[in-house]
Protein backbone atom coordinates (compact mmCIF):
# COMPACT_ATOMS: atom_id res chain seq x y z
CA UNK A 1 -102.79 -61.08 -62.71
CA UNK A 2 -99.43 -61.87 -62.00
CA UNK A 3 -96.58 -60.58 -63.35
CA UNK A 4 -96.45 -63.67 -65.93
CA UNK A 5 -100.22 -62.36 -67.30
CA UNK A 6 -101.97 -65.18 -65.98
CA UNK A 7 -105.06 -65.87 -64.01
CA UNK A 8 -103.92 -65.43 -59.94
CA UNK A 9 -106.09 -67.61 -57.80
CA UNK A 10 -107.44 -64.52 -55.82
CA UNK A 11 -108.02 -62.36 -58.43
CA UNK A 12 -111.23 -62.19 -57.72
CA UNK A 13 -111.48 -61.23 -53.77
CA UNK A 14 -107.95 -59.34 -53.33
CA UNK A 15 -109.59 -55.84 -54.10
CA UNK A 16 -112.18 -56.43 -51.18
CA UNK A 17 -113.04 -54.53 -48.43
CA UNK A 18 -111.32 -56.11 -45.24
CA UNK A 19 -113.61 -58.01 -43.37
CA UNK A 20 -114.85 -55.94 -40.02
CA UNK A 21 -117.41 -58.73 -37.30
CA UNK A 22 -119.82 -57.38 -36.45
CA UNK A 23 -120.11 -59.36 -33.16
CA UNK A 24 -115.90 -58.87 -31.82
CA UNK A 25 -114.13 -56.26 -30.72
CA UNK A 26 -110.66 -55.84 -32.57
CA UNK A 27 -108.06 -58.00 -31.31
CA UNK A 28 -105.29 -56.16 -30.05
CA UNK A 29 -101.98 -55.90 -31.45
CA UNK A 30 -100.91 -57.88 -28.41
CA UNK A 31 -103.13 -59.83 -27.80
CA UNK A 32 -103.13 -61.06 -31.40
CA UNK A 33 -99.36 -61.29 -31.21
CA UNK A 34 -99.96 -63.45 -27.78
CA UNK A 35 -101.24 -66.26 -30.41
CA UNK A 36 -97.66 -67.51 -31.06
CA UNK A 37 -95.73 -66.80 -28.45
CA UNK A 38 -93.85 -69.68 -27.07
CA UNK A 39 -95.41 -72.18 -24.28
CA UNK A 40 -93.79 -74.04 -21.65
CA UNK A 41 -95.13 -77.81 -23.04
CA UNK A 42 -93.88 -79.41 -19.73
CA UNK A 43 -95.69 -77.56 -16.37
CA UNK A 44 -93.50 -76.09 -14.06
CA UNK A 45 -89.96 -78.27 -15.75
CA UNK A 46 -87.93 -75.40 -14.43
CA UNK A 47 -88.89 -75.25 -11.03
CA UNK A 48 -87.81 -79.18 -10.75
CA UNK A 49 -84.32 -78.42 -12.68
CA UNK A 50 -83.72 -75.88 -9.93
CA UNK A 51 -84.93 -78.05 -7.46
CA UNK A 52 -82.50 -80.54 -7.73
CA UNK A 53 -79.84 -77.33 -8.60
CA UNK A 54 -80.60 -76.12 -4.92
CA UNK A 55 -77.59 -77.62 -2.92
CA UNK A 56 -78.35 -79.20 0.27
CA UNK A 57 -75.60 -79.88 3.11
CA UNK A 58 -74.98 -83.51 4.46
CA UNK A 59 -75.83 -84.22 8.02
CA UNK A 60 -72.35 -84.41 9.78
CA UNK A 61 -72.86 -87.16 12.97
CA UNK A 62 -69.47 -87.27 14.64
CA UNK A 63 -69.11 -89.30 17.62
CA UNK A 64 -66.73 -87.64 19.19
CA UNK A 65 -68.99 -84.53 20.02
CA UNK A 66 -71.20 -87.10 22.11
CA UNK A 67 -70.23 -86.91 25.64
CA UNK A 68 -69.05 -82.90 24.89
CA UNK A 69 -72.32 -82.25 24.19
CA UNK A 70 -74.07 -85.00 26.73
CA UNK A 71 -71.90 -82.98 30.01
CA UNK A 72 -72.58 -79.45 28.35
CA UNK A 73 -76.50 -80.69 28.09
CA UNK A 74 -76.35 -81.78 31.63
CA UNK A 75 -74.15 -79.08 32.73
CA UNK A 76 -77.46 -76.26 31.22
CA UNK A 77 -79.54 -79.20 33.08
CA UNK A 78 -78.48 -78.62 36.54
CA UNK A 79 -77.90 -74.70 36.27
CA UNK A 80 -81.23 -74.12 34.30
CA UNK A 81 -82.71 -71.65 36.79
CA UNK A 82 -79.51 -69.65 36.28
CA UNK A 83 -81.43 -69.23 32.50
CA UNK A 84 -77.95 -70.59 30.69
CA UNK A 85 -77.97 -68.27 27.09
CA UNK A 86 -76.07 -70.11 24.49
CA UNK A 87 -75.38 -70.86 21.07
CA UNK A 88 -75.94 -73.52 18.99
CA UNK A 89 -75.74 -75.33 15.54
CA UNK A 90 -77.83 -77.68 14.87
CA UNK A 91 -79.39 -79.34 11.39
CA UNK A 92 -83.05 -78.85 9.64
CA UNK A 93 -82.96 -81.45 7.71
CA UNK A 94 -85.06 -80.59 4.01
CA UNK A 95 -88.04 -81.52 3.58
CA UNK A 96 -88.14 -82.13 -0.46
CA UNK A 97 -84.42 -83.60 -0.68
CA UNK A 98 -81.18 -85.25 1.13
CA UNK A 99 -79.46 -83.39 3.05
CA UNK A 100 -80.47 -80.00 5.15
CA UNK A 101 -78.72 -77.04 5.96
CA UNK A 102 -77.26 -75.80 9.64
CA UNK A 103 -77.67 -72.68 11.02
CA UNK A 104 -77.27 -71.39 14.92
CA UNK A 105 -79.48 -70.38 17.70
CA UNK A 106 -78.12 -68.00 20.42
CA UNK A 107 -80.62 -67.31 23.20
CA UNK A 108 -81.42 -68.43 26.60
CA UNK A 109 -82.08 -72.14 27.92
CA UNK A 110 -85.90 -72.85 29.12
CA UNK A 111 -86.38 -75.88 29.64
CA UNK A 112 -83.88 -79.83 28.69
CA UNK A 113 -86.64 -82.50 28.02
CA UNK A 114 -84.32 -85.16 28.80
CA UNK A 115 -87.90 -87.90 26.94
CA UNK A 116 -88.87 -86.75 24.66
CA UNK A 117 -85.26 -85.40 23.99
CA UNK A 118 -85.42 -81.40 22.62
CA UNK A 119 -83.89 -78.54 24.56
CA UNK A 120 -86.50 -75.58 23.50
CA UNK A 121 -84.96 -71.35 23.88
CA UNK A 122 -87.44 -69.69 25.68
CA UNK A 123 -89.26 -67.76 22.68
CA UNK A 124 -90.12 -71.50 23.05
CA UNK A 125 -88.52 -72.92 19.84
CA UNK A 126 -87.01 -76.76 20.16
CA UNK A 127 -84.13 -78.10 19.06
CA UNK A 128 -84.24 -81.68 18.89
CA UNK A 129 -81.61 -83.78 20.33
CA UNK A 130 -79.93 -85.60 17.24
CA UNK A 131 -80.13 -82.71 15.10
CA UNK A 132 -77.39 -80.85 16.98
CA UNK A 133 -74.37 -80.10 15.80
CA UNK A 134 -72.20 -78.28 19.41
CA UNK A 135 -73.19 -76.32 21.93
CA UNK A 136 -71.83 -73.22 22.97
CA UNK A 137 -72.21 -71.78 26.47
CA UNK A 138 -72.10 -67.90 26.34
CA UNK A 139 -72.83 -66.81 29.67
CA UNK A 140 -71.18 -68.82 31.82
CA UNK A 141 -73.45 -69.98 35.76
């Protein structure tokens, strides 16, 4: 009965023993709480926001450097057997969005492929001429 003496809707079941299922084991407090935890309604939304916030650099096209790069490539090609060591600054285009990043690689130049326009290091890595920003020859020949 309620406090004011009226019959409560649940008076007939209030004193019954707690039901225990014969088919299902008792659920832990952790699993029970998980039922009410928040969920990601927009799956992948966080990754999209993170990707959009990632900063990329714009490729610098400096026509004045092209002549200088051409001279250095010719110099290295003329002295390729002397294993010219150089530091190359180059642009790596981003695969997911516009722009990319600049990297530096230092090593011995093995080959300059003029036909495919690729500069190869001794370790096998190749850099496309169009992505080279600067070349510094470290070991004069």
